[in-house]
Amino acid sequence: MGDEKRVPRHRKHKVTHLCCAPVVFNILLEGKHNQQSLLSHPVEVLTGGAAPPAALLEKIEKLGFHVTHAYGLTEATGPALVCEWQRKWNVLPAHEQSKLKARQGISVLSLAEIDVKDLGTMASVPRDGKSVGEIVLRGSSVMKGYFKDEEATRKAFKNGWFLTGDVGVIHTDGYFEIKDRSKDVIISGGENIRSVEVEAVLYRHPDVLEAAVVAMPHPFFIETPCAFITARSKYVNKNEETKKERGMIEFCRKSLPHFMAPKKVVFLQELPKTATGKIQKFGLRALTKTYNPPRSSSTPQIKSIHQQTTARCSYVPNDHQHLKLEQVHAMPRL
């Protein structure tokens, strides 16, 4: 449906409830009728399928949409977590409210248990909002296994817990927050970089419509972050695009440690997505293999640094077990 019809129809029929992936928020925000789309009545929105950036939640709620964020999997019979809103949060500034709403939340009633564990020891991580592990589930709403696939079922469970593949934390108030998919964690010079955190910063840039951050191969650091962006403005020549790329990297460096900032930014007209609106990061990872990694002034020193010091990752997801744990220390890049 074209932009000229989308918003008027939802106003005409007085839509009260909407269930959608976060990508739909961008469609509404970028529609031709954006300025006229302030709602005369609240619309309740249930969103999930991908972690919505806090900046995007803040923008869509300004139009009159009231968002509830939920998290779930087919293997858990749908929703497993919901970000239950607390009345005391109503007095907080809008940007603080959006950060809280971006969390995945607390367990739904149909789920027996949910936790964040270190898969090496199966010990629960501290509830401090910083200690990272894998989100695990168990209960009668969790599947018994994959149909006629014993190997996949065996890999999906450990000690009676279903392994979601999502890396996250538990905050002091008991609310869960996903930091990344285990396969999307970037291990750069012995440091874990969670792509969701870098994407959250990029979404605060006024020219960013969509963003995805993936690992790009690097000869010394093993992996470095590469950002793919759909921008609101269009760049007519390579020089203008290069200048904008540098600006994006500097923007990230103001809010992130330098080793977490993207080393390369690629502008695409549209990011590849599934039918349900999820960004297909595997395709983007394949693209990074065609790029030459940027070389910094410190590159010639790296080999000698590698001989003097190494670093070990505090948490290495299953999908990265094949990578060497002894890698170049990240401090020289700060």
C-alpha atoms as a PDB file:
ATOM      1  CA  MET A   1       0.000   0.000   0.000  1.00  0.00           C
ATOM      2  CA  GLY A   2       1.383   3.424  -0.926  1.00  0.00           C
ATOM      3  CA  ASP A   3       2.296   6.101   1.611  1.00  0.00           C
ATOM      4  CA  GLU A   4      -0.583   8.283   0.428  1.00  0.00           C
ATOM      5  CA  LYS A   5      -3.103   5.640   1.570  1.00  0.00           C
ATOM      6  CA  ARG A   6      -1.452   4.005   4.588  1.00  0.00           C
ATOM      7  CA  VAL A   7      -1.895   6.655   7.293  1.00  0.00           C
ATOM      8  CA  PRO A   8      -5.276   8.107   6.198  1.00  0.00           C
ATOM      9  CA  ARG A   9      -6.842   4.636   6.302  1.00  0.00           C
ATOM     10  CA  HIS A  10      -5.666   3.845   9.796  1.00  0.00           C
ATOM     11  CA  ARG A  11      -7.077   7.202  10.899  1.00  0.00           C
ATOM     12  CA  LYS A  12     -10.299   6.688   8.951  1.00  0.00           C
ATOM     13  CA  HIS A  13     -11.013   3.302  10.537  1.00  0.00           C
ATOM     14  CA  LYS A  14      -9.907   4.449  14.019  1.00  0.00           C
ATOM     15  CA  VAL A  15      -7.442   1.604  14.493  1.00  0.00           C
ATOM     16  CA  THR A  16      -6.871   0.966  18.219  1.00  0.00           C
ATOM     17  CA  HIS A  17      -4.416  -1.965  18.222  1.00  0.00           C
ATOM     18  CA  LEU A  18      -1.456  -2.923  16.057  1.00  0.00           C
ATOM     19  CA  CYS A  19       1.011  -5.809  16.128  1.00  0.00           C
ATOM     20  CA  CYS A  20       4.179  -5.326  14.067  1.00  0.00           C
ATOM     21  CA  ALA A  21       7.945  -5.624  13.805  1.00  0.00           C
ATOM     22  CA  PRO A  22      10.012  -2.478  14.526  1.00  0.00           C
ATOM     23  CA  VAL A  23      10.647  -2.021  10.794  1.00  0.00           C
ATOM     24  CA  VAL A  24       7.030  -0.834  10.437  1.00  0.00           C
ATOM     25  CA  PHE A  25       7.835   2.125  12.699  1.00  0.00           C
ATOM     26  CA  ASN A  26      10.248   3.414  10.065  1.00  0.00           C
ATOM     27  CA  ILE A  27       7.547   3.079   7.405  1.00  0.00           C
ATOM     28  CA  LEU A  28       5.182   5.208   9.485  1.00  0.00           C
ATOM     29  CA  LEU A  29       7.851   7.754  10.402  1.00  0.00           C
ATOM     30  CA  GLU A  30       9.008   8.173   6.808  1.00  0.00           C
ATOM     31  CA  GLY A  31       5.533   8.303   5.260  1.00  0.00           C
ATOM     32  CA  LYS A  32       4.500  11.353   3.266  1.00  0.00           C
ATOM     33  CA  HIS A  33       1.793  12.069   5.807  1.00  0.00           C
ATOM     34  CA  ASN A  34       4.178  11.997   8.782  1.00  0.00           C
ATOM     35  CA  GLN A  35       3.403  15.589   9.763  1.00  0.00           C
ATOM     36  CA  GLN A  36      -0.353  14.947   9.680  1.00  0.00           C
ATOM     37  CA  SER A  37      -0.168  11.526  11.346  1.00  0.00           C
ATOM     38  CA  LEU A  38      -0.439  12.637  14.968  1.00  0.00           C
ATOM     39  CA  LEU A  39      -3.217  10.428  16.297  1.00  0.00           C
ATOM     40  CA  SER A  40      -6.488  11.738  17.676  1.00  0.00           C
ATOM     41  CA  HIS A  41      -6.607   8.670  19.931  1.00  0.00           C
ATOM     42  CA  PRO A  42      -3.903   6.356  21.353  1.00  0.00           C
ATOM     43  CA  VAL A  43      -2.993   3.228  19.391  1.00  0.00           C
ATOM     44  CA  GLU A  44      -1.677   0.276  21.401  1.00  0.00           C
ATOM     45  CA  VAL A  45       1.237  -1.434  19.645  1.00  0.00           C
ATOM     46  CA  LEU A  46       2.762  -4.815  20.431  1.00  0.00           C
ATOM     47  CA  THR A  47       6.205  -5.065  18.830  1.00  0.00           C
ATOM     48  CA  GLY A  48       8.761  -7.862  18.647  1.00  0.00           C
ATOM     49  CA  GLY A  49      10.699 -10.015  16.235  1.00  0.00           C
ATOM     50  CA  ALA A  50      13.777  -7.788  16.549  1.00  0.00           C
ATOM     51  CA  ALA A  51      15.166  -5.577  19.301  1.00  0.00           C
ATOM     52  CA  PRO A  52      13.758  -2.058  18.748  1.00  0.00           C
ATOM     53  CA  PRO A  53      16.314   0.728  19.291  1.00  0.00           C
ATOM     54  CA  ALA A  54      15.366   3.126  22.078  1.00  0.00           C
ATOM     55  CA  ALA A  55      15.667   6.112  19.721  1.00  0.00           C
ATOM     56  CA  LEU A  56      13.112   4.554  17.360  1.00  0.00           C
ATOM     57  CA  LEU A  57      10.663   3.889  20.207  1.00  0.00           C
ATOM     58  CA  GLU A  58      10.933   7.498  21.332  1.00  0.00           C
ATOM     59  CA  LYS A  59      10.147   8.794  17.831  1.00  0.00           C
ATOM     60  CA  ILE A  60       7.127   6.549  17.211  1.00  0.00           C
ATOM     61  CA  GLU A  61       5.531   7.307  20.575  1.00  0.00           C
ATOM     62  CA  LYS A  62       5.643  11.024  19.797  1.00  0.00           C
ATOM     63  CA  LEU A  63       3.081  10.314  17.050  1.00  0.00           C
ATOM     64  CA  GLY A  64       0.624   8.878  19.595  1.00  0.00           C
ATOM     65  CA  PHE A  65       1.488   5.169  19.505  1.00  0.00           C
ATOM     66  CA  HIS A  66       1.812   3.420  22.872  1.00  0.00           C
ATOM     67  CA  VAL A  67       4.323   0.599  22.469  1.00  0.00           C
ATOM     68  CA  THR A  68       4.556  -2.641  24.436  1.00  0.00           C
ATOM     69  CA  HIS A  69       7.736  -4.582  23.736  1.00  0.00           C
ATOM     70  CA  ALA A  70       7.636  -8.398  23.856  1.00  0.00           C
ATOM     71  CA  TYR A  71      10.165 -11.142  23.178  1.00  0.00           C
ATOM     72  CA  GLY A  72       9.478 -14.689  22.121  1.00  0.00           C
ATOM     73  CA  LEU A  73      10.396 -17.702  20.048  1.00  0.00           C
ATOM     74  CA  THR A  74       8.462 -20.331  18.151  1.00  0.00           C
ATOM     75  CA  GLU A  75      10.213 -22.896  20.383  1.00  0.00           C
ATOM     76  CA  ALA A  76       8.662 -21.247  23.450  1.00  0.00           C
ATOM     77  CA  THR A  77       5.134 -21.122  21.990  1.00  0.00           C
ATOM     78  CA  GLY A  78       5.285 -17.404  21.314  1.00  0.00           C
ATOM     79  CA  PRO A  79       5.950 -14.634  23.843  1.00  0.00           C
ATOM     80  CA  ALA A  80       8.328 -15.477  26.688  1.00  0.00           C
ATOM     81  CA  LEU A  81       9.072 -11.979  28.002  1.00  0.00           C
ATOM     82  CA  VAL A  82       7.152  -8.730  28.056  1.00  0.00           C
ATOM     83  CA  CYS A  83       8.404  -5.319  29.148  1.00  0.00           C
ATOM     84  CA  GLU A  84       5.764  -4.723  31.809  1.00  0.00           C
ATOM     85  CA  TRP A  85       5.500  -0.979  32.317  1.00  0.00           C
ATOM     86  CA  GLN A  86       5.916   0.462  35.824  1.00  0.00           C
ATOM     87  CA  ARG A  87       3.889   3.540  36.803  1.00  0.00           C
ATOM     88  CA  LYS A  88       6.899   5.088  38.518  1.00  0.00           C
ATOM     89  CA  TRP A  89       8.608   5.326  35.108  1.00  0.00           C
ATOM     90  CA  ASN A  90       5.959   7.795  33.862  1.00  0.00           C
ATOM     91  CA  VAL A  91       7.773  10.718  35.515  1.00  0.00           C
ATOM     92  CA  LEU A  92      11.041  10.014  33.694  1.00  0.00           C
ATOM     93  CA  PRO A  93      12.151  11.978  30.602  1.00  0.00           C
ATOM     94  CA  ALA A  94      11.063  10.507  27.264  1.00  0.00           C
ATOM     95  CA  HIS A  95      14.549   9.289  26.330  1.00  0.00           C
ATOM     96  CA  GLU A  96      14.873   7.439  29.655  1.00  0.00           C
ATOM     97  CA  GLN A  97      11.439   5.859  29.191  1.00  0.00           C
ATOM     98  CA  SER A  98      12.409   4.631  25.730  1.00  0.00           C
ATOM     99  CA  LYS A  99      15.579   2.996  27.111  1.00  0.00           C
ATOM    100  CA  LEU A 100      13.500   1.094  29.668  1.00  0.00           C
ATOM    101  CA  LYS A 101      10.926   0.112  27.042  1.00  0.00           C
ATOM    102  CA  ALA A 102      13.686  -1.271  24.801  1.00  0.00           C
ATOM    103  CA  ARG A 103      14.362  -3.999  27.393  1.00  0.00           C
ATOM    104  CA  GLN A 104      12.801  -7.403  26.763  1.00  0.00           C
ATOM    105  CA  GLY A 105      11.234  -7.391  30.248  1.00  0.00           C
ATOM    106  CA  ILE A 106      10.028 -10.076  32.627  1.00  0.00           C
ATOM    107  CA  SER A 107       8.678 -13.598  32.189  1.00  0.00           C
ATOM    108  CA  VAL A 108       5.125 -14.219  31.007  1.00  0.00           C
ATOM    109  CA  LEU A 109       2.918 -16.365  33.262  1.00  0.00           C
ATOM    110  CA  SER A 110       3.025 -19.404  30.962  1.00  0.00           C
ATOM    111  CA  LEU A 111       6.801 -19.772  31.302  1.00  0.00           C
ATOM    112  CA  ALA A 112       8.114 -21.635  34.353  1.00  0.00           C
ATOM    113  CA  GLU A 113      11.632 -20.198  34.502  1.00  0.00           C
ATOM    114  CA  ILE A 114      13.968 -17.894  32.633  1.00  0.00           C
ATOM    115  CA  ASP A 115      17.554 -17.050  33.477  1.00  0.00           C
ATOM    116  CA  VAL A 116      20.848 -15.761  32.088  1.00  0.00           C
ATOM    117  CA  LYS A 117      23.654 -18.280  32.473  1.00  0.00           C
ATOM    118  CA  ASP A 118      27.310 -18.791  31.738  1.00  0.00           C
ATOM    119  CA  LEU A 119      27.079 -21.799  29.444  1.00  0.00           C
ATOM    120  CA  GLY A 120      30.499 -23.015  30.514  1.00  0.00           C
ATOM    121  CA  THR A 121      29.481 -23.511  34.144  1.00  0.00           C
ATOM    122  CA  MET A 122      25.668 -23.144  33.855  1.00  0.00           C
ATOM    123  CA  ALA A 123      25.906 -20.711  36.767  1.00  0.00           C
ATOM    124  CA  SER A 124      23.491 -17.770  36.832  1.00  0.00           C
ATOM    125  CA  VAL A 125      25.107 -14.411  36.139  1.00  0.00           C
ATOM    126  CA  PRO A 126      24.787 -11.607  38.739  1.00  0.00           C
ATOM    127  CA  ARG A 127      21.723  -9.385  38.412  1.00  0.00           C
ATOM    128  CA  ASP A 128      23.705  -6.227  37.863  1.00  0.00           C
ATOM    129  CA  GLY A 129      22.775  -5.261  34.295  1.00  0.00           C
ATOM    130  CA  LYS A 130      26.403  -5.779  33.229  1.00  0.00           C
ATOM    131  CA  SER A 131      27.268  -9.469  33.555  1.00  0.00           C
ATOM    132  CA  VAL A 132      26.569 -11.159  30.233  1.00  0.00           C
ATOM    133  CA  GLY A 133      25.434 -14.718  29.534  1.00  0.00           C
ATOM    134  CA  GLU A 134      22.959 -16.624  27.391  1.00  0.00           C
ATOM    135  CA  ILE A 135      19.228 -16.342  27.990  1.00  0.00           C
ATOM    136  CA  VAL A 136      17.786 -19.786  28.796  1.00  0.00           C
ATOM    137  CA  LEU A 137      14.187 -20.976  29.283  1.00  0.00           C
ATOM    138  CA  ARG A 138      12.332 -23.947  30.697  1.00  0.00           C
ATOM    139  CA  GLY A 139       8.725 -24.870  31.340  1.00  0.00           C
ATOM    140  CA  SER A 140       5.733 -26.636  29.816  1.00  0.00           C
ATOM    141  CA  SER A 141       5.412 -24.000  27.087  1.00  0.00           C
ATOM    142  CA  VAL A 142       8.881 -24.821  25.724  1.00  0.00           C
ATOM    143  CA  MET A 143       9.032 -27.339  22.875  1.00  0.00           C
ATOM    144  CA  LYS A 144      10.056 -30.961  23.456  1.00  0.00           C
ATOM    145  CA  GLY A 145      12.373 -30.869  20.451  1.00  0.00           C
ATOM    146  CA  TYR A 146      12.749 -30.323  16.719  1.00  0.00           C
ATOM    147  CA  PHE A 147      10.750 -32.717  14.542  1.00  0.00           C
ATOM    148  CA  LYS A 148      12.925 -35.624  13.388  1.00  0.00           C
ATOM    149  CA  ASP A 149      16.130 -33.725  14.183  1.00  0.00           C
ATOM    150  CA  GLU A 150      17.772 -35.233  17.249  1.00  0.00           C
ATOM    151  CA  GLU A 151      21.096 -33.475  16.651  1.00  0.00           C
ATOM    152  CA  ALA A 152      19.523 -29.993  16.585  1.00  0.00           C
ATOM    153  CA  THR A 153      17.451 -30.861  19.663  1.00  0.00           C
ATOM    154  CA  ARG A 154      20.543 -32.009  21.551  1.00  0.00           C
ATOM    155  CA  LYS A 155      22.349 -28.747  20.768  1.00  0.00           C
ATOM    156  CA  ALA A 156      19.316 -26.647  21.780  1.00  0.00           C
ATOM    157  CA  PHE A 157      19.102 -27.980  25.346  1.00  0.00           C
ATOM    158  CA  LYS A 158      21.536 -28.187  28.260  1.00  0.00           C
ATOM    159  CA  ASN A 159      20.733 -29.473  31.750  1.00  0.00           C
ATOM    160  CA  GLY A 160      17.022 -29.153  31.017  1.00  0.00           C
ATOM    161  CA  TRP A 161      17.296 -25.547  29.808  1.00  0.00           C
ATOM    162  CA  PHE A 162      16.455 -24.389  26.281  1.00  0.00           C
ATOM    163  CA  LEU A 163      19.279 -22.232  24.895  1.00  0.00           C
ATOM    164  CA  THR A 164      17.812 -19.251  23.049  1.00  0.00           C
ATOM    165  CA  GLY A 165      21.040 -18.165  21.354  1.00  0.00           C
ATOM    166  CA  ASP A 166      20.480 -14.625  22.674  1.00  0.00           C
ATOM    167  CA  VAL A 167      23.156 -12.964  24.796  1.00  0.00           C
ATOM    168  CA  GLY A 168      21.775 -10.751  27.538  1.00  0.00           C
ATOM    169  CA  VAL A 169      21.847  -9.378  31.074  1.00  0.00           C
ATOM    170  CA  ILE A 170      19.489  -9.190  34.049  1.00  0.00           C
ATOM    171  CA  HIS A 171      19.049  -5.780  35.642  1.00  0.00           C
ATOM    172  CA  THR A 172      18.752  -5.241  39.387  1.00  0.00           C
ATOM    173  CA  ASP A 173      14.960  -4.911  39.048  1.00  0.00           C
ATOM    174  CA  GLY A 174      14.744  -8.374  37.418  1.00  0.00           C
ATOM    175  CA  TYR A 175      14.153  -7.103  33.875  1.00  0.00           C
ATOM    176  CA  PHE A 176      15.981  -8.922  31.084  1.00  0.00           C
ATOM    177  CA  GLU A 177      17.728  -7.140  28.228  1.00  0.00           C
ATOM    178  CA  ILE A 178      19.176  -8.733  25.105  1.00  0.00           C
ATOM    179  CA  LYS A 179      22.581  -7.470  24.111  1.00  0.00           C
ATOM    180  CA  ASP A 180      22.958  -9.512  20.939  1.00  0.00           C
ATOM    181  CA  ARG A 181      22.462 -12.820  19.192  1.00  0.00           C
ATOM    182  CA  SER A 182      25.359 -15.084  20.158  1.00  0.00           C
ATOM    183  CA  LYS A 183      26.300 -15.459  16.489  1.00  0.00           C
ATOM    184  CA  ASP A 184      26.302 -11.667  16.047  1.00  0.00           C
ATOM    185  CA  VAL A 185      28.745 -10.867  18.869  1.00  0.00           C
ATOM    186  CA  ILE A 186      31.916  -9.370  17.383  1.00  0.00           C
ATOM    187  CA  ILE A 187      35.160 -10.497  19.025  1.00  0.00           C
ATOM    188  CA  SER A 188      37.769  -7.883  18.218  1.00  0.00           C
ATOM    189  CA  GLY A 189      41.261  -8.155  19.667  1.00  0.00           C
ATOM    190  CA  GLY A 190      39.991 -10.153  22.640  1.00  0.00           C
ATOM    191  CA  GLU A 191      37.119  -7.755  23.390  1.00  0.00           C
ATOM    192  CA  ASN A 192      33.437  -8.591  22.959  1.00  0.00           C
ATOM    193  CA  ILE A 193      31.494  -6.014  20.959  1.00  0.00           C
ATOM    194  CA  ARG A 194      27.715  -6.370  21.004  1.00  0.00           C
ATOM    195  CA  SER A 195      26.285  -5.156  17.721  1.00  0.00           C
ATOM    196  CA  VAL A 196      22.987  -4.060  19.299  1.00  0.00           C
ATOM    197  CA  GLU A 197      24.819  -1.491  21.438  1.00  0.00           C
ATOM    198  CA  VAL A 198      26.568   0.008  18.414  1.00  0.00           C
ATOM    199  CA  GLU A 199      23.307   0.054  16.448  1.00  0.00           C
ATOM    200  CA  ALA A 200      21.554   1.869  19.304  1.00  0.00           C
ATOM    201  CA  VAL A 201      24.091   4.702  19.015  1.00  0.00           C
ATOM    202  CA  LEU A 202      23.782   4.854  15.219  1.00  0.00           C
ATOM    203  CA  TYR A 203      19.995   5.163  15.461  1.00  0.00           C
ATOM    204  CA  ARG A 204      20.489   8.386  17.421  1.00  0.00           C
ATOM    205  CA  HIS A 205      22.110   9.993  14.373  1.00  0.00           C
ATOM    206  CA  PRO A 206      19.543  12.209  12.603  1.00  0.00           C
ATOM    207  CA  ASP A 207      20.428  10.864   9.139  1.00  0.00           C
ATOM    208  CA  VAL A 208      20.105   7.154  10.006  1.00  0.00           C
ATOM    209  CA  LEU A 209      16.912   5.429   8.914  1.00  0.00           C
ATOM    210  CA  GLU A 210      18.084   1.828   9.423  1.00  0.00           C
ATOM    211  CA  ALA A 211      21.330   0.369  10.747  1.00  0.00           C
ATOM    212  CA  ALA A 212      22.913  -3.048  11.131  1.00  0.00           C
ATOM    213  CA  VAL A 213      26.372  -3.823  12.499  1.00  0.00           C
ATOM    214  CA  VAL A 214      28.219  -7.052  11.700  1.00  0.00           C
ATOM    215  CA  ALA A 215      31.717  -8.492  12.036  1.00  0.00           C
ATOM    216  CA  MET A 216      34.211  -7.677   9.283  1.00  0.00           C
ATOM    217  CA  PRO A 217      37.336  -9.859   8.982  1.00  0.00           C
ATOM    218  CA  HIS A 218      40.607  -8.207  10.053  1.00  0.00           C
ATOM    219  CA  PRO A 219      44.132  -9.633   9.683  1.00  0.00           C
ATOM    220  CA  PHE A 220      45.217  -8.681  13.216  1.00  0.00           C
ATOM    221  CA  PHE A 221      42.119  -8.041  15.330  1.00  0.00           C
ATOM    222  CA  ILE A 222      40.336 -11.092  13.844  1.00  0.00           C
ATOM    223  CA  GLU A 223      37.074  -9.096  13.558  1.00  0.00           C
ATOM    224  CA  THR A 224      36.114  -5.411  13.573  1.00  0.00           C
ATOM    225  CA  PRO A 225      32.657  -3.762  13.400  1.00  0.00           C
ATOM    226  CA  CYS A 226      31.237  -2.800  10.019  1.00  0.00           C
ATOM    227  CA  ALA A 227      28.031  -0.748   9.872  1.00  0.00           C
ATOM    228  CA  PHE A 228      25.486  -0.934   7.059  1.00  0.00           C
ATOM    229  CA  ILE A 229      23.176   2.061   6.942  1.00  0.00           C
ATOM    230  CA  THR A 230      20.139   3.238   5.048  1.00  0.00           C
ATOM    231  CA  ALA A 231      20.368   7.010   5.213  1.00  0.00           C
ATOM    232  CA  ARG A 232      17.592   9.567   4.916  1.00  0.00           C
ATOM    233  CA  SER A 233      19.665  11.780   2.622  1.00  0.00           C
ATOM    234  CA  LYS A 234      21.176  10.547  -0.626  1.00  0.00           C
ATOM    235  CA  TYR A 235      24.812  11.047  -1.589  1.00  0.00           C
ATOM    236  CA  VAL A 236      25.495  12.040  -5.173  1.00  0.00           C
ATOM    237  CA  ASN A 237      29.214  11.231  -5.330  1.00  0.00           C
ATOM    238  CA  LYS A 238      31.894   9.131  -3.680  1.00  0.00           C
ATOM    239  CA  ASN A 239      33.595  12.084  -1.946  1.00  0.00           C
ATOM    240  CA  GLU A 240      30.366  13.103  -0.259  1.00  0.00           C
ATOM    241  CA  GLU A 241      29.740   9.517   0.845  1.00  0.00           C
ATOM    242  CA  THR A 242      33.289   9.175   2.230  1.00  0.00           C
ATOM    243  CA  LYS A 243      32.871  12.380   4.206  1.00  0.00           C
ATOM    244  CA  LYS A 244      29.594  11.117   5.632  1.00  0.00           C
ATOM    245  CA  GLU A 245      31.202   7.781   6.525  1.00  0.00           C
ATOM    246  CA  ARG A 246      33.887   9.543   8.560  1.00  0.00           C
ATOM    247  CA  GLY A 247      31.214  11.613  10.266  1.00  0.00           C
ATOM    248  CA  MET A 248      29.281   8.483  11.265  1.00  0.00           C
ATOM    249  CA  ILE A 249      32.403   6.892  12.738  1.00  0.00           C
ATOM    250  CA  GLU A 250      33.233  10.031  14.721  1.00  0.00           C
ATOM    251  CA  PHE A 251      29.628  10.225  15.930  1.00  0.00           C
ATOM    252  CA  CYS A 252      29.935   6.694  17.350  1.00  0.00           C
ATOM    253  CA  ARG A 253      33.296   7.445  18.948  1.00  0.00           C
ATOM    254  CA  LYS A 254      31.693  10.203  21.029  1.00  0.00           C
ATOM    255  CA  SER A 255      29.422   7.665  22.757  1.00  0.00           C
ATOM    256  CA  LEU A 256      31.427   4.423  22.590  1.00  0.00           C
ATOM    257  CA  PRO A 257      34.948   3.220  23.352  1.00  0.00           C
ATOM    258  CA  HIS A 258      36.929   3.641  20.154  1.00  0.00           C
ATOM    259  CA  PHE A 259      37.389  -0.097  19.625  1.00  0.00           C
ATOM    260  CA  MET A 260      33.578  -0.486  19.517  1.00  0.00           C
ATOM    261  CA  ALA A 261      33.043   2.182  16.858  1.00  0.00           C
ATOM    262  CA  PRO A 262      32.585   0.896  13.274  1.00  0.00           C
ATOM    263  CA  LYS A 263      35.781   0.802  11.254  1.00  0.00           C
ATOM    264  CA  LYS A 264      33.797   0.967   8.033  1.00  0.00           C
ATOM    265  CA  VAL A 265      30.363   2.345   7.143  1.00  0.00           C
ATOM    266  CA  VAL A 266      28.540   1.176   4.018  1.00  0.00           C
ATOM    267  CA  PHE A 267      25.477   3.011   2.694  1.00  0.00           C
ATOM    268  CA  LEU A 268      22.767   0.913   1.045  1.00  0.00           C
ATOM    269  CA  GLN A 269      19.450   1.980  -0.456  1.00  0.00           C
ATOM    270  CA  GLU A 270      17.767  -0.768   1.558  1.00  0.00           C
ATOM    271  CA  LEU A 271      18.995  -3.374   4.043  1.00  0.00           C
ATOM    272  CA  PRO A 272      18.169  -7.010   3.165  1.00  0.00           C
ATOM    273  CA  LYS A 273      15.231  -8.310   5.210  1.00  0.00           C
ATOM    274  CA  THR A 274      13.144 -11.422   5.707  1.00  0.00           C
ATOM    275  CA  ALA A 275       9.422 -11.483   4.944  1.00  0.00           C
ATOM    276  CA  THR A 276       8.739 -10.552   8.586  1.00  0.00           C
ATOM    277  CA  GLY A 277      11.034  -7.520   8.516  1.00  0.00           C
ATOM    278  CA  LYS A 278      14.131  -8.935  10.235  1.00  0.00           C
ATOM    279  CA  ILE A 279      17.444  -7.718   8.838  1.00  0.00           C
ATOM    280  CA  GLN A 280      19.381 -10.575   7.228  1.00  0.00           C
ATOM    281  CA  LYS A 281      22.789 -10.119   8.810  1.00  0.00           C
ATOM    282  CA  PHE A 282      24.260 -13.256   7.256  1.00  0.00           C
ATOM    283  CA  GLY A 283      24.064 -11.561   3.876  1.00  0.00           C
ATOM    284  CA  LEU A 284      25.790  -8.470   5.220  1.00  0.00           C
ATOM    285  CA  ARG A 285      28.529 -10.582   6.804  1.00  0.00           C
ATOM    286  CA  ALA A 286      29.178 -12.127   3.396  1.00  0.00           C
ATOM    287  CA  LEU A 287      29.545  -8.642   1.897  1.00  0.00           C
ATOM    288  CA  THR A 288      32.213  -7.636   4.437  1.00  0.00           C
ATOM    289  CA  LYS A 289      34.516 -10.352   3.109  1.00  0.00           C
ATOM    290  CA  THR A 290      34.824  -8.367  -0.113  1.00  0.00           C
ATOM    291  CA  TYR A 291      36.106  -5.235   1.650  1.00  0.00           C
ATOM    292  CA  ASN A 292      39.687  -4.395   2.496  1.00  0.00           C
ATOM    293  CA  PRO A 293      40.002  -3.713   6.245  1.00  0.00           C
ATOM    294  CA  PRO A 294      41.051  -0.132   7.101  1.00  0.00           C
ATOM    295  CA  ARG A 295      44.633   0.255   8.297  1.00  0.00           C
ATOM    296  CA  SER A 296      45.388   2.632  11.161  1.00  0.00           C
ATOM    297  CA  SER A 297      48.682   4.316  12.040  1.00  0.00           C
ATOM    298  CA  SER A 298      49.121   1.823  14.881  1.00  0.00           C
ATOM    299  CA  THR A 299      48.968  -1.237  12.583  1.00  0.00           C
ATOM    300  CA  PRO A 300      52.774  -1.656  12.191  1.00  0.00           C
ATOM    301  CA  GLN A 301      53.087  -1.873  15.994  1.00  0.00           C
ATOM    302  CA  ILE A 302      50.501  -4.625  16.357  1.00  0.00           C
ATOM    303  CA  LYS A 303      52.783  -7.592  15.731  1.00  0.00           C
ATOM    304  CA  SER A 304      55.169  -6.539  18.511  1.00  0.00           C
ATOM    305  CA  ILE A 305      52.228  -5.841  20.824  1.00  0.00           C
ATOM    306  CA  HIS A 306      50.860  -9.310  20.088  1.00  0.00           C
ATOM    307  CA  GLN A 307      54.143 -10.851  21.219  1.00  0.00           C
ATOM    308  CA  GLN A 308      54.078  -8.912  24.504  1.00  0.00           C
ATOM    309  CA  THR A 309      50.484  -9.234  25.694  1.00  0.00           C
ATOM    310  CA  THR A 310      47.287 -11.164  25.063  1.00  0.00           C
ATOM    311  CA  ALA A 311      43.724 -10.918  26.317  1.00  0.00           C
ATOM    312  CA  ARG A 312      41.026 -13.470  27.042  1.00  0.00           C
ATOM    313  CA  CYS A 313      37.322 -12.966  26.380  1.00  0.00           C
ATOM    314  CA  SER A 314      35.094 -12.981  29.477  1.00  0.00           C
ATOM    315  CA  TYR A 315      32.274 -14.669  27.567  1.00  0.00           C
ATOM    316  CA  VAL A 316      32.666 -16.419  24.247  1.00  0.00           C
ATOM    317  CA  PRO A 317      29.391 -17.534  22.596  1.00  0.00           C
ATOM    318  CA  ASN A 318      29.180 -21.050  21.200  1.00  0.00           C
ATOM    319  CA  ASP A 319      29.335 -19.788  17.618  1.00  0.00           C
ATOM    320  CA  HIS A 320      32.754 -18.213  18.308  1.00  0.00           C
ATOM    321  CA  GLN A 321      34.405 -21.163  20.037  1.00  0.00           C
ATOM    322  CA  HIS A 322      36.489 -21.782  16.923  1.00  0.00           C
ATOM    323  CA  LEU A 323      38.228 -18.409  17.342  1.00  0.00           C
ATOM    324  CA  LYS A 324      41.483 -18.199  19.247  1.00  0.00           C
ATOM    325  CA  LEU A 325      41.002 -16.861  22.763  1.00  0.00           C
ATOM    326  CA  GLU A 326      44.538 -15.471  22.830  1.00  0.00           C
ATOM    327  CA  GLN A 327      44.323 -12.389  20.672  1.00  0.00           C
ATOM    328  CA  VAL A 328      45.753  -8.908  20.373  1.00  0.00           C
ATOM    329  CA  HIS A 329      45.034  -6.811  23.442  1.00  0.00           C
ATOM    330  CA  ALA A 330      42.445  -4.098  22.773  1.00  0.00           C
ATOM    331  CA  MET A 331      44.128  -1.310  24.766  1.00  0.00           C
ATOM    332  CA  PRO A 332      46.443  -0.154  21.926  1.00  0.00           C
ATOM    333  CA  ARG A 333      43.347   0.752  19.909  1.00  0.00           C
ATOM    334  CA  LEU A 334      41.713   3.007  22.529  1.00  0.00           C
END
